[in-house]
Amino acid sequence: MKAYQGGSYQDRIGRAAEAKQKALDLLKARPALDEATLAARREAASARQAAQAAKRAARLAEREEAAAHGARRADEAAVRAEENEGGRIATEAERKAMRDARYAARKSRK
């Protein structure tokens, strides 16, 4: 394979400077944006922001509805538990009294 014969350091610096200048000239040669294009871009940006705001509001309303639904379900469960007092959990004293009654009934049978 042949070795690179690119020239001296000064040649490379010169080519780099020419490439930079060419890129700068291309950038400056671009036509300026007219007012109609800028107005269209601003309008599209404002429409995009409005859509995002509506989406955020819908998401927030959905979360609030879910929280309210959860609270309603908890309230309904509490009401059902109060109505179904027969199925409630006995306190420690009530459990002890029931145990003593069973023990007494067993003793009386013997």
PDB file of N, CA and C in Angstrom:
ATOM      1  N   MET A   1       0.841  -1.163   0.000  1.00  0.00           N
ATOM      2  CA  MET A   1       0.000   0.000   0.000  1.00  0.00           C
ATOM      3  C   MET A   1       0.892   1.235   0.000  1.00  0.00           C
ATOM      4  N   LYS A   2       0.488   2.216  -0.815  1.00  0.00           N
ATOM      5  CA  LYS A   2       1.290   3.433  -0.899  1.00  0.00           C
ATOM      6  C   LYS A   2       1.050   4.320   0.312  1.00  0.00           C
ATOM      7  N   ALA A   3       2.046   5.007   0.713  1.00  0.00           N
ATOM      8  CA  ALA A   3       1.933   5.946   1.824  1.00  0.00           C
ATOM      9  C   ALA A   3       1.185   7.188   1.348  1.00  0.00           C
ATOM     10  N   TYR A   4       0.548   7.842   2.276  1.00  0.00           N
ATOM     11  CA  TYR A   4      -0.213   9.053   1.966  1.00  0.00           C
ATOM     12  C   TYR A   4       0.755  10.172   1.610  1.00  0.00           C
ATOM     13  N   GLN A   5       0.523  10.772   0.462  1.00  0.00           N
ATOM     14  CA  GLN A   5       1.379  11.863  -0.001  1.00  0.00           C
ATOM     15  C   GLN A   5       0.559  13.159  -0.004  1.00  0.00           C
ATOM     16  N   GLY A   6       0.061  13.544   1.134  1.00  0.00           N
ATOM     17  CA  GLY A   6      -0.851  14.672   1.217  1.00  0.00           C
ATOM     18  C   GLY A   6      -0.179  16.009   1.249  1.00  0.00           C
ATOM     19  N   GLY A   7       1.067  16.087   1.379  1.00  0.00           N
ATOM     20  CA  GLY A   7       1.731  17.367   1.427  1.00  0.00           C
ATOM     21  C   GLY A   7       2.136  17.715   2.842  1.00  0.00           C
ATOM     22  N   SER A   8       2.487  18.971   2.999  1.00  0.00           N
ATOM     23  CA  SER A   8       3.010  19.418   4.288  1.00  0.00           C
ATOM     24  C   SER A   8       1.875  19.831   5.229  1.00  0.00           C
ATOM     25  N   TYR A   9       2.276  20.183   6.406  1.00  0.00           N
ATOM     26  CA  TYR A   9       1.340  20.649   7.427  1.00  0.00           C
ATOM     27  C   TYR A   9       0.661  21.927   6.968  1.00  0.00           C
ATOM     28  N   GLN A  10       1.389  22.809   6.343  1.00  0.00           N
ATOM     29  CA  GLN A  10       0.826  24.066   5.858  1.00  0.00           C
ATOM     30  C   GLN A  10      -0.228  23.821   4.787  1.00  0.00           C
ATOM     31  N   ASP A  11      -0.018  22.817   3.946  1.00  0.00           N
ATOM     32  CA  ASP A  11      -1.019  22.480   2.925  1.00  0.00           C
ATOM     33  C   ASP A  11      -2.331  22.026   3.585  1.00  0.00           C
ATOM     34  N   ARG A  12      -2.212  21.197   4.596  1.00  0.00           N
ATOM     35  CA  ARG A  12      -3.417  20.707   5.286  1.00  0.00           C
ATOM     36  C   ARG A  12      -4.146  21.841   5.988  1.00  0.00           C
ATOM     37  N   ILE A  13      -3.429  22.731   6.605  1.00  0.00           N
ATOM     38  CA  ILE A  13      -4.065  23.885   7.261  1.00  0.00           C
ATOM     39  C   ILE A  13      -4.768  24.752   6.227  1.00  0.00           C
ATOM     40  N   GLY A  14      -4.128  24.946   5.093  1.00  0.00           N
ATOM     41  CA  GLY A  14      -4.736  25.751   4.029  1.00  0.00           C
ATOM     42  C   GLY A  14      -6.018  25.125   3.505  1.00  0.00           C
ATOM     43  N   ARG A  15      -6.004  23.799   3.292  1.00  0.00           N
ATOM     44  CA  ARG A  15      -7.211  23.121   2.815  1.00  0.00           C
ATOM     45  C   ARG A  15      -8.327  23.193   3.851  1.00  0.00           C
ATOM     46  N   ALA A  16      -7.993  23.075   5.126  1.00  0.00           N
ATOM     47  CA  ALA A  16      -8.990  23.182   6.182  1.00  0.00           C
ATOM     48  C   ALA A  16      -9.600  24.579   6.200  1.00  0.00           C
ATOM     49  N   ALA A  17      -8.778  25.596   6.018  1.00  0.00           N
ATOM     50  CA  ALA A  17      -9.285  26.973   5.999  1.00  0.00           C
ATOM     51  C   ALA A  17     -10.190  27.204   4.797  1.00  0.00           C
ATOM     52  N   GLU A  18      -9.816  26.640   3.649  1.00  0.00           N
ATOM     53  CA  GLU A  18     -10.655  26.770   2.455  1.00  0.00           C
ATOM     54  C   GLU A  18     -12.010  26.081   2.660  1.00  0.00           C
ATOM     55  N   ALA A  19     -11.990  24.896   3.294  1.00  0.00           N
ATOM     56  CA  ALA A  19     -13.233  24.175   3.547  1.00  0.00           C
ATOM     57  C   ALA A  19     -14.127  24.958   4.499  1.00  0.00           C
ATOM     58  N   LYS A  20     -13.525  25.569   5.525  1.00  0.00           N
ATOM     59  CA  LYS A  20     -14.293  26.392   6.459  1.00  0.00           C
ATOM     60  C   LYS A  20     -14.919  27.577   5.756  1.00  0.00           C
ATOM     61  N   GLN A  21     -14.139  28.227   4.923  1.00  0.00           N
ATOM     62  CA  GLN A  21     -14.639  29.400   4.202  1.00  0.00           C
ATOM     63  C   GLN A  21     -15.766  29.012   3.245  1.00  0.00           C
ATOM     64  N   LYS A  22     -15.627  27.861   2.589  1.00  0.00           N
ATOM     65  CA  LYS A  22     -16.663  27.400   1.669  1.00  0.00           C
ATOM     66  C   LYS A  22     -17.969  27.122   2.425  1.00  0.00           C
ATOM     67  N   ALA A  23     -17.881  26.473   3.597  1.00  0.00           N
ATOM     68  CA  ALA A  23     -19.073  26.204   4.403  1.00  0.00           C
ATOM     69  C   ALA A  23     -19.711  27.504   4.870  1.00  0.00           C
ATOM     70  N   LEU A  24     -18.888  28.485   5.250  1.00  0.00           N
ATOM     71  CA  LEU A  24     -19.409  29.778   5.685  1.00  0.00           C
ATOM     72  C   LEU A  24     -20.101  30.506   4.537  1.00  0.00           C
ATOM     73  N   ASP A  25     -19.522  30.439   3.348  1.00  0.00           N
ATOM     74  CA  ASP A  25     -20.142  31.076   2.185  1.00  0.00           C
ATOM     75  C   ASP A  25     -21.494  30.431   1.853  1.00  0.00           C
ATOM     76  N   LEU A  26     -21.559  29.099   1.953  1.00  0.00           N
ATOM     77  CA  LEU A  26     -22.831  28.415   1.698  1.00  0.00           C
ATOM     78  C   LEU A  26     -23.890  28.821   2.719  1.00  0.00           C
ATOM     79  N   LEU A  27     -23.476  28.986   3.964  1.00  0.00           N
ATOM     80  CA  LEU A  27     -24.409  29.386   5.004  1.00  0.00           C
ATOM     81  C   LEU A  27     -24.923  30.803   4.764  1.00  0.00           C
ATOM     82  N   LYS A  28     -24.033  31.686   4.383  1.00  0.00           N
ATOM     83  CA  LYS A  28     -24.434  33.079   4.135  1.00  0.00           C
ATOM     84  C   LYS A  28     -25.280  33.204   2.876  1.00  0.00           C
ATOM     85  N   ALA A  29     -25.140  32.266   1.945  1.00  0.00           N
ATOM     86  CA  ALA A  29     -25.854  32.344   0.684  1.00  0.00           C
ATOM     87  C   ALA A  29     -27.309  31.902   0.814  1.00  0.00           C
ATOM     88  N   ARG A  30     -27.659  31.282   1.934  1.00  0.00           N
ATOM     89  CA  ARG A  30     -29.052  30.849   2.110  1.00  0.00           C
ATOM     90  C   ARG A  30     -29.970  32.058   2.125  1.00  0.00           C
ATOM     91  N   PRO A  31     -31.119  31.943   1.468  1.00  0.00           N
ATOM     92  CA  PRO A  31     -32.033  33.090   1.466  1.00  0.00           C
ATOM     93  C   PRO A  31     -32.642  33.277   2.851  1.00  0.00           C
ATOM     94  N   ALA A  32     -32.908  34.525   3.195  1.00  0.00           N
ATOM     95  CA  ALA A  32     -33.525  34.832   4.483  1.00  0.00           C
ATOM     96  C   ALA A  32     -34.983  34.374   4.454  1.00  0.00           C
ATOM     97  N   LEU A  33     -35.487  34.007   5.604  1.00  0.00           N
ATOM     98  CA  LEU A  33     -36.873  33.554   5.685  1.00  0.00           C
ATOM     99  C   LEU A  33     -37.802  34.748   5.548  1.00  0.00           C
ATOM    100  N   ASP A  34     -38.838  34.568   4.762  1.00  0.00           N
ATOM    101  CA  ASP A  34     -39.792  35.658   4.614  1.00  0.00           C
ATOM    102  C   ASP A  34     -40.797  35.632   5.761  1.00  0.00           C
ATOM    103  N   GLU A  35     -41.543  36.697   5.890  1.00  0.00           N
ATOM    104  CA  GLU A  35     -42.467  36.850   7.025  1.00  0.00           C
ATOM    105  C   GLU A  35     -43.583  35.797   6.996  1.00  0.00           C
ATOM    106  N   ALA A  36     -44.023  35.388   5.823  1.00  0.00           N
ATOM    107  CA  ALA A  36     -45.085  34.387   5.727  1.00  0.00           C
ATOM    108  C   ALA A  36     -44.626  33.038   6.292  1.00  0.00           C
ATOM    109  N   THR A  37     -43.390  32.665   5.988  1.00  0.00           N
ATOM    110  CA  THR A  37     -42.860  31.405   6.503  1.00  0.00           C
ATOM    111  C   THR A  37     -42.725  31.459   8.017  1.00  0.00           C
ATOM    112  N   LEU A  38     -42.222  32.592   8.524  1.00  0.00           N
ATOM    113  CA  LEU A  38     -42.079  32.727   9.971  1.00  0.00           C
ATOM    114  C   LEU A  38     -43.439  32.690  10.661  1.00  0.00           C
ATOM    115  N   ALA A  39     -44.435  33.348  10.055  1.00  0.00           N
ATOM    116  CA  ALA A  39     -45.775  33.348  10.643  1.00  0.00           C
ATOM    117  C   ALA A  39     -46.360  31.936  10.659  1.00  0.00           C
ATOM    118  N   ALA A  40     -46.128  31.180   9.595  1.00  0.00           N
ATOM    119  CA  ALA A  40     -46.620  29.801   9.540  1.00  0.00           C
ATOM    120  C   ALA A  40     -45.955  28.949  10.613  1.00  0.00           C
ATOM    121  N   ARG A  41     -44.668  29.153  10.832  1.00  0.00           N
ATOM    122  CA  ARG A  41     -43.958  28.395  11.875  1.00  0.00           C
ATOM    123  C   ARG A  41     -44.495  28.744  13.258  1.00  0.00           C
ATOM    124  N   ARG A  42     -44.725  30.056  13.506  1.00  0.00           N
ATOM    125  CA  ARG A  42     -45.257  30.467  14.805  1.00  0.00           C
ATOM    126  C   ARG A  42     -46.650  29.878  15.029  1.00  0.00           C
ATOM    127  N   GLU A  43     -47.465  29.881  13.980  1.00  0.00           N
ATOM    128  CA  GLU A  43     -48.822  29.340  14.088  1.00  0.00           C
ATOM    129  C   GLU A  43     -48.784  27.842  14.375  1.00  0.00           C
ATOM    130  N   ALA A  44     -47.890  27.121  13.710  1.00  0.00           N
ATOM    131  CA  ALA A  44     -47.760  25.682  13.948  1.00  0.00           C
ATOM    132  C   ALA A  44     -47.285  25.419  15.376  1.00  0.00           C
ATOM    133  N   ALA A  45     -46.356  26.241  15.863  1.00  0.00           N
ATOM    134  CA  ALA A  45     -45.856  26.066  17.228  1.00  0.00           C
ATOM    135  C   ALA A  45     -46.962  26.326  18.246  1.00  0.00           C
ATOM    136  N   SER A  46     -47.770  27.365  18.019  1.00  0.00           N
ATOM    137  CA  SER A  46     -48.842  27.659  18.970  1.00  0.00           C
ATOM    138  C   SER A  46     -49.911  26.559  18.932  1.00  0.00           C
ATOM    139  N   ALA A  47     -50.194  26.018  17.750  1.00  0.00           N
ATOM    140  CA  ALA A  47     -51.150  24.911  17.651  1.00  0.00           C
ATOM    141  C   ALA A  47     -50.620  23.683  18.377  1.00  0.00           C
ATOM    142  N   ARG A  48     -49.327  23.437  18.236  1.00  0.00           N
ATOM    143  CA  ARG A  48     -48.708  22.294  18.912  1.00  0.00           C
ATOM    144  C   ARG A  48     -48.775  22.471  20.426  1.00  0.00           C
ATOM    145  N   GLN A  49     -48.509  23.691  20.906  1.00  0.00           N
ATOM    146  CA  GLN A  49     -48.571  23.950  22.344  1.00  0.00           C
ATOM    147  C   GLN A  49     -49.995  23.810  22.866  1.00  0.00           C
ATOM    148  N   ALA A  50     -50.975  24.257  22.089  1.00  0.00           N
ATOM    149  CA  ALA A  50     -52.370  24.121  22.511  1.00  0.00           C
ATOM    150  C   ALA A  50     -52.766  22.653  22.592  1.00  0.00           C
ATOM    151  N   ALA A  51     -52.317  21.854  21.642  1.00  0.00           N
ATOM    152  CA  ALA A  51     -52.619  20.421  21.665  1.00  0.00           C
ATOM    153  C   ALA A  51     -51.979  19.750  22.874  1.00  0.00           C
ATOM    154  N   GLN A  52     -50.751  20.140  23.186  1.00  0.00           N
ATOM    155  CA  GLN A  52     -50.075  19.565  24.348  1.00  0.00           C
ATOM    156  C   GLN A  52     -50.784  19.962  25.633  1.00  0.00           C
ATOM    157  N   ALA A  53     -51.242  21.211  25.723  1.00  0.00           N
ATOM    158  CA  ALA A  53     -51.957  21.665  26.914  1.00  0.00           C
ATOM    159  C   ALA A  53     -53.270  20.906  27.070  1.00  0.00           C
ATOM    160  N   ALA A  54     -53.974  20.684  25.966  1.00  0.00           N
ATOM    161  CA  ALA A  54     -55.225  19.924  26.027  1.00  0.00           C
ATOM    162  C   ALA A  54     -54.962  18.488  26.466  1.00  0.00           C
ATOM    163  N   LYS A  55     -53.886  17.916  25.975  1.00  0.00           N
ATOM    164  CA  LYS A  55     -53.541  16.544  26.351  1.00  0.00           C
ATOM    165  C   LYS A  55     -53.206  16.460  27.840  1.00  0.00           C
ATOM    166  N   ARG A  56     -52.448  17.455  28.342  1.00  0.00           N
ATOM    167  CA  ARG A  56     -52.126  17.476  29.770  1.00  0.00           C
ATOM    168  C   ARG A  56     -53.386  17.615  30.611  1.00  0.00           C
ATOM    169  N   ALA A  57     -54.306  18.476  30.183  1.00  0.00           N
ATOM    170  CA  ALA A  57     -55.551  18.673  30.927  1.00  0.00           C
ATOM    171  C   ALA A  57     -56.383  17.402  30.937  1.00  0.00           C
ATOM    172  N   ALA A  58     -56.427  16.706  29.806  1.00  0.00           N
ATOM    173  CA  ALA A  58     -57.190  15.453  29.740  1.00  0.00           C
ATOM    174  C   ALA A  58     -56.565  14.403  30.649  1.00  0.00           C
ATOM    175  N   ARG A  59     -55.246  14.335  30.660  1.00  0.00           N
ATOM    176  CA  ARG A  59     -54.559  13.373  31.522  1.00  0.00           C
ATOM    177  C   ARG A  59     -54.814  13.685  32.995  1.00  0.00           C
ATOM    178  N   LEU A  60     -54.790  14.977  33.355  1.00  0.00           N
ATOM    179  CA  LEU A  60     -55.039  15.381  34.731  1.00  0.00           C
ATOM    180  C   LEU A  60     -56.471  15.047  35.132  1.00  0.00           C
ATOM    181  N   ALA A  61     -57.428  15.310  34.242  1.00  0.00           N
ATOM    182  CA  ALA A  61     -58.827  14.994  34.536  1.00  0.00           C
ATOM    183  C   ALA A  61     -59.007  13.484  34.707  1.00  0.00           C
ATOM    184  N   GLU A  62     -58.307  12.704  33.900  1.00  0.00           N
ATOM    185  CA  GLU A  62     -58.391  11.247  34.010  1.00  0.00           C
ATOM    186  C   GLU A  62     -57.847  10.773  35.348  1.00  0.00           C
ATOM    187  N   ARG A  63     -56.744  11.355  35.776  1.00  0.00           N
ATOM    188  CA  ARG A  63     -56.169  10.972  37.074  1.00  0.00           C
ATOM    189  C   ARG A  63     -57.105  11.345  38.217  1.00  0.00           C
ATOM    190  N   GLU A  64     -57.695  12.546  38.140  1.00  0.00           N
ATOM    191  CA  GLU A  64     -58.615  12.969  39.182  1.00  0.00           C
ATOM    192  C   GLU A  64     -59.847  12.066  39.222  1.00  0.00           C
ATOM    193  N   GLU A  65     -60.336  11.684  38.064  1.00  0.00           N
ATOM    194  CA  GLU A  65     -61.489  10.788  37.998  1.00  0.00           C
ATOM    195  C   GLU A  65     -61.150   9.432  38.606  1.00  0.00           C
ATOM    196  N   ALA A  66     -59.945   8.929  38.324  1.00  0.00           N
ATOM    197  CA  ALA A  66     -59.521   7.648  38.883  1.00  0.00           C
ATOM    198  C   ALA A  66     -59.418   7.739  40.408  1.00  0.00           C
ATOM    199  N   ALA A  67     -58.897   8.857  40.909  1.00  0.00           N
ATOM    200  CA  ALA A  67     -58.783   9.032  42.359  1.00  0.00           C
ATOM    201  C   ALA A  67     -60.173   9.118  42.993  1.00  0.00           C
ATOM    202  N   ALA A  68     -61.084   9.842  42.343  1.00  0.00           N
ATOM    203  CA  ALA A  68     -62.441   9.959  42.871  1.00  0.00           C
ATOM    204  C   ALA A  68     -63.139   8.604  42.851  1.00  0.00           C
ATOM    205  N   HIS A  69     -62.915   7.830  41.793  1.00  0.00           N
ATOM    206  CA  HIS A  69     -63.517   6.499  41.696  1.00  0.00           C
ATOM    207  C   HIS A  69     -62.997   5.601  42.817  1.00  0.00           C
ATOM    208  N   GLY A  70     -61.711   5.663  43.080  1.00  0.00           N
ATOM    209  CA  GLY A  70     -61.126   4.867  44.163  1.00  0.00           C
ATOM    210  C   GLY A  70     -61.699   5.265  45.517  1.00  0.00           C
ATOM    211  N   ALA A  71     -61.878   6.570  45.724  1.00  0.00           N
ATOM    212  CA  ALA A  71     -62.447   7.031  46.988  1.00  0.00           C
ATOM    213  C   ALA A  71     -63.898   6.572  47.127  1.00  0.00           C
ATOM    214  N   ARG A  72     -64.661   6.627  46.017  1.00  0.00           N
ATOM    215  CA  ARG A  72     -66.049   6.165  46.061  1.00  0.00           C
ATOM    216  C   ARG A  72     -66.108   4.682  46.402  1.00  0.00           C
ATOM    217  N   ARG A  73     -65.222   3.899  45.792  1.00  0.00           N
ATOM    218  CA  ARG A  73     -65.216   2.454  46.066  1.00  0.00           C
ATOM    219  C   ARG A  73     -64.867   2.180  47.530  1.00  0.00           C
ATOM    220  N   ALA A  74     -63.927   2.935  48.086  1.00  0.00           N
ATOM    221  CA  ALA A  74     -63.564   2.756  49.496  1.00  0.00           C
ATOM    222  C   ALA A  74     -64.740   3.127  50.397  1.00  0.00           C
ATOM    223  N   ASP A  75     -65.441   4.219  50.076  1.00  0.00           N
ATOM    224  CA  ASP A  75     -66.603   4.616  50.867  1.00  0.00           C
ATOM    225  C   ASP A  75     -67.697   3.561  50.794  1.00  0.00           C
ATOM    226  N   GLU A  76     -67.939   3.032  49.594  1.00  0.00           N
ATOM    227  CA  GLU A  76     -68.961   1.994  49.440  1.00  0.00           C
ATOM    228  C   GLU A  76     -68.594   0.742  50.228  1.00  0.00           C
ATOM    229  N   ALA A  77     -67.324   0.391  50.235  1.00  0.00           N
ATOM    230  CA  ALA A  77     -66.885  -0.783  50.992  1.00  0.00           C
ATOM    231  C   ALA A  77     -67.084  -0.555  52.488  1.00  0.00           C
ATOM    232  N   ALA A  78     -66.807   0.662  52.946  1.00  0.00           N
ATOM    233  CA  ALA A  78     -66.999   0.965  54.364  1.00  0.00           C
ATOM    234  C   ALA A  78     -68.476   0.901  54.726  1.00  0.00           C
ATOM    235  N   VAL A  79     -69.345   1.406  53.861  1.00  0.00           N
ATOM    236  CA  VAL A  79     -70.790   1.352  54.117  1.00  0.00           C
ATOM    237  C   VAL A  79     -71.257  -0.097  54.159  1.00  0.00           C
ATOM    238  N   ARG A  80     -70.790  -0.910  53.208  1.00  0.00           N
ATOM    239  CA  ARG A  80     -71.179  -2.323  53.193  1.00  0.00           C
ATOM    240  C   ARG A  80     -70.702  -3.040  54.461  1.00  0.00           C
ATOM    241  N   ALA A  81     -69.512  -2.688  54.923  1.00  0.00           N
ATOM    242  CA  ALA A  81     -68.987  -3.317  56.138  1.00  0.00           C
ATOM    243  C   ALA A  81     -69.831  -2.931  57.351  1.00  0.00           C
ATOM    244  N   GLU A  82     -70.276  -1.680  57.408  1.00  0.00           N
ATOM    245  CA  GLU A  82     -71.120  -1.251  58.518  1.00  0.00           C
ATOM    246  C   GLU A  82     -72.482  -1.925  58.456  1.00  0.00           C
ATOM    247  N   GLU A  83     -73.026  -2.090  57.252  1.00  0.00           N
ATOM    248  CA  GLU A  83     -74.321  -2.728  57.100  1.00  0.00           C
ATOM    249  C   GLU A  83     -74.246  -4.211  57.443  1.00  0.00           C
ATOM    250  N   ASN A  84     -73.129  -4.820  57.155  1.00  0.00           N
ATOM    251  CA  ASN A  84     -72.947  -6.249  57.388  1.00  0.00           C
ATOM    252  C   ASN A  84     -72.271  -6.447  58.740  1.00  0.00           C
ATOM    253  N   GLU A  85     -72.882  -5.950  59.776  1.00  0.00           N
ATOM    254  CA  GLU A  85     -72.284  -5.995  61.102  1.00  0.00           C
ATOM    255  C   GLU A  85     -72.147  -7.424  61.610  1.00  0.00           C
ATOM    256  N   GLY A  86     -72.980  -8.345  61.133  1.00  0.00           N
ATOM    257  CA  GLY A  86     -72.894  -9.731  61.582  1.00  0.00           C
ATOM    258  C   GLY A  86     -71.589 -10.389  61.170  1.00  0.00           C
ATOM    259  N   GLY A  87     -71.003  -9.947  60.087  1.00  0.00           N
ATOM    260  CA  GLY A  87     -69.767 -10.550  59.604  1.00  0.00           C
ATOM    261  C   GLY A  87     -68.533  -9.813  60.079  1.00  0.00           C
ATOM    262  N   ARG A  88     -68.692  -8.997  61.090  1.00  0.00           N
ATOM    263  CA  ARG A  88     -67.545  -8.203  61.535  1.00  0.00           C
ATOM    264  C   ARG A  88     -66.586  -9.044  62.361  1.00  0.00           C
ATOM    265  N   ILE A  89     -65.412  -8.552  62.526  1.00  0.00           N
ATOM    266  CA  ILE A  89     -64.389  -9.262  63.296  1.00  0.00           C
ATOM    267  C   ILE A  89     -64.618  -8.980  64.776  1.00  0.00           C
ATOM    268  N   ALA A  90     -64.598 -10.015  65.567  1.00  0.00           N
ATOM    269  CA  ALA A  90     -64.839  -9.871  66.997  1.00  0.00           C
ATOM    270  C   ALA A  90     -63.618  -9.263  67.680  1.00  0.00           C
ATOM    271  N   THR A  91     -63.884  -8.505  68.751  1.00  0.00           N
ATOM    272  CA  THR A  91     -62.783  -7.934  69.524  1.00  0.00           C
ATOM    273  C   THR A  91     -62.178  -9.026  70.394  1.00  0.00           C
ATOM    274  N   GLU A  92     -61.101  -8.699  71.050  1.00  0.00           N
ATOM    275  CA  GLU A  92     -60.401  -9.669  71.899  1.00  0.00           C
ATOM    276  C   GLU A  92     -61.294 -10.134  73.049  1.00  0.00           C
ATOM    277  N   ALA A  93     -62.025  -9.211  73.655  1.00  0.00           N
ATOM    278  CA  ALA A  93     -62.895  -9.589  74.777  1.00  0.00           C
ATOM    279  C   ALA A  93     -64.022 -10.501  74.302  1.00  0.00           C
ATOM    280  N   GLU A  94     -64.588 -10.202  73.118  1.00  0.00           N
ATOM    281  CA  GLU A  94     -65.658 -11.054  72.598  1.00  0.00           C
ATOM    282  C   GLU A  94     -65.139 -12.447  72.278  1.00  0.00           C
ATOM    283  N   ARG A  95     -63.933 -12.536  71.720  1.00  0.00           N
ATOM    284  CA  ARG A  95     -63.362 -13.857  71.422  1.00  0.00           C
ATOM    285  C   ARG A  95     -63.130 -14.651  72.706  1.00  0.00           C
ATOM    286  N   LYS A  96     -62.673 -13.967  73.759  1.00  0.00           N
ATOM    287  CA  LYS A  96     -62.432 -14.650  75.035  1.00  0.00           C
ATOM    288  C   LYS A  96     -63.750 -15.149  75.621  1.00  0.00           C
ATOM    289  N   ALA A  97     -64.808 -14.331  75.530  1.00  0.00           N
ATOM    290  CA  ALA A  97     -66.105 -14.743  76.069  1.00  0.00           C
ATOM    291  C   ALA A  97     -66.641 -15.945  75.300  1.00  0.00           C
ATOM    292  N   MET A  98     -66.500 -15.967  73.974  1.00  0.00           N
ATOM    293  CA  MET A  98     -66.959 -17.118  73.191  1.00  0.00           C
ATOM    294  C   MET A  98     -66.157 -18.371  73.528  1.00  0.00           C
ATOM    295  N   ARG A  99     -64.848 -18.225  73.733  1.00  0.00           N
ATOM    296  CA  ARG A  99     -64.006 -19.368  74.096  1.00  0.00           C
ATOM    297  C   ARG A  99     -64.421 -19.923  75.461  1.00  0.00           C
ATOM    298  N   ASP A 100     -64.663 -19.015  76.421  1.00  0.00           N
ATOM    299  CA  ASP A 100     -65.082 -19.462  77.752  1.00  0.00           C
ATOM    300  C   ASP A 100     -66.428 -20.176  77.689  1.00  0.00           C
ATOM    301  N   ALA A 101     -67.341 -19.668  76.832  1.00  0.00           N
ATOM    302  CA  ALA A 101     -68.654 -20.309  76.708  1.00  0.00           C
ATOM    303  C   ALA A 101     -68.488 -21.715  76.118  1.00  0.00           C
ATOM    304  N   ARG A 102     -67.641 -21.902  75.158  1.00  0.00           N
ATOM    305  CA  ARG A 102     -67.416 -23.235  74.591  1.00  0.00           C
ATOM    306  C   ARG A 102     -66.807 -24.170  75.639  1.00  0.00           C
ATOM    307  N   TYR A 103     -65.881 -23.640  76.410  1.00  0.00           N
ATOM    308  CA  TYR A 103     -65.237 -24.457  77.454  1.00  0.00           C
ATOM    309  C   TYR A 103     -66.276 -24.888  78.489  1.00  0.00           C
ATOM    310  N   ALA A 104     -67.127 -23.972  78.896  1.00  0.00           N
ATOM    311  CA  ALA A 104     -68.162 -24.284  79.885  1.00  0.00           C
ATOM    312  C   ALA A 104     -69.141 -25.309  79.322  1.00  0.00           C
ATOM    313  N   ALA A 105     -69.481 -25.191  78.050  1.00  0.00           N
ATOM    314  CA  ALA A 105     -70.396 -26.145  77.447  1.00  0.00           C
ATOM    315  C   ALA A 105     -69.767 -27.530  77.399  1.00  0.00           C
ATOM    316  N   ARG A 106     -68.478 -27.617  77.109  1.00  0.00           N
ATOM    317  CA  ARG A 106     -67.794 -28.917  77.095  1.00  0.00           C
ATOM    318  C   ARG A 106     -67.784 -29.535  78.505  1.00  0.00           C
ATOM    319  N   LYS A 107     -67.519 -28.702  79.500  1.00  0.00           N
ATOM    320  CA  LYS A 107     -67.467 -29.220  80.883  1.00  0.00           C
ATOM    321  C   LYS A 107     -68.837 -29.727  81.327  1.00  0.00           C
ATOM    322  N   SER A 108     -69.888 -29.008  80.910  1.00  0.00           N
ATOM    323  CA  SER A 108     -71.241 -29.426  81.342  1.00  0.00           C
ATOM    324  C   SER A 108     -71.648 -30.727  80.692  1.00  0.00           C
ATOM    325  N   ARG A 109     -71.158 -31.073  79.538  1.00  0.00           N
ATOM    326  CA  ARG A 109     -71.496 -32.328  78.866  1.00  0.00           C
ATOM    327  C   ARG A 109     -70.823 -33.517  79.542  1.00  0.00           C
ATOM    328  N   LYS A 110     -69.747 -33.353  80.214  1.00  0.00           N
ATOM    329  CA  LYS A 110     -69.014 -34.472  80.797  1.00  0.00           C
ATOM    330  C   LYS A 110     -69.599 -34.920  82.074  1.00  0.00           C
TER     331      LYS A 110
END
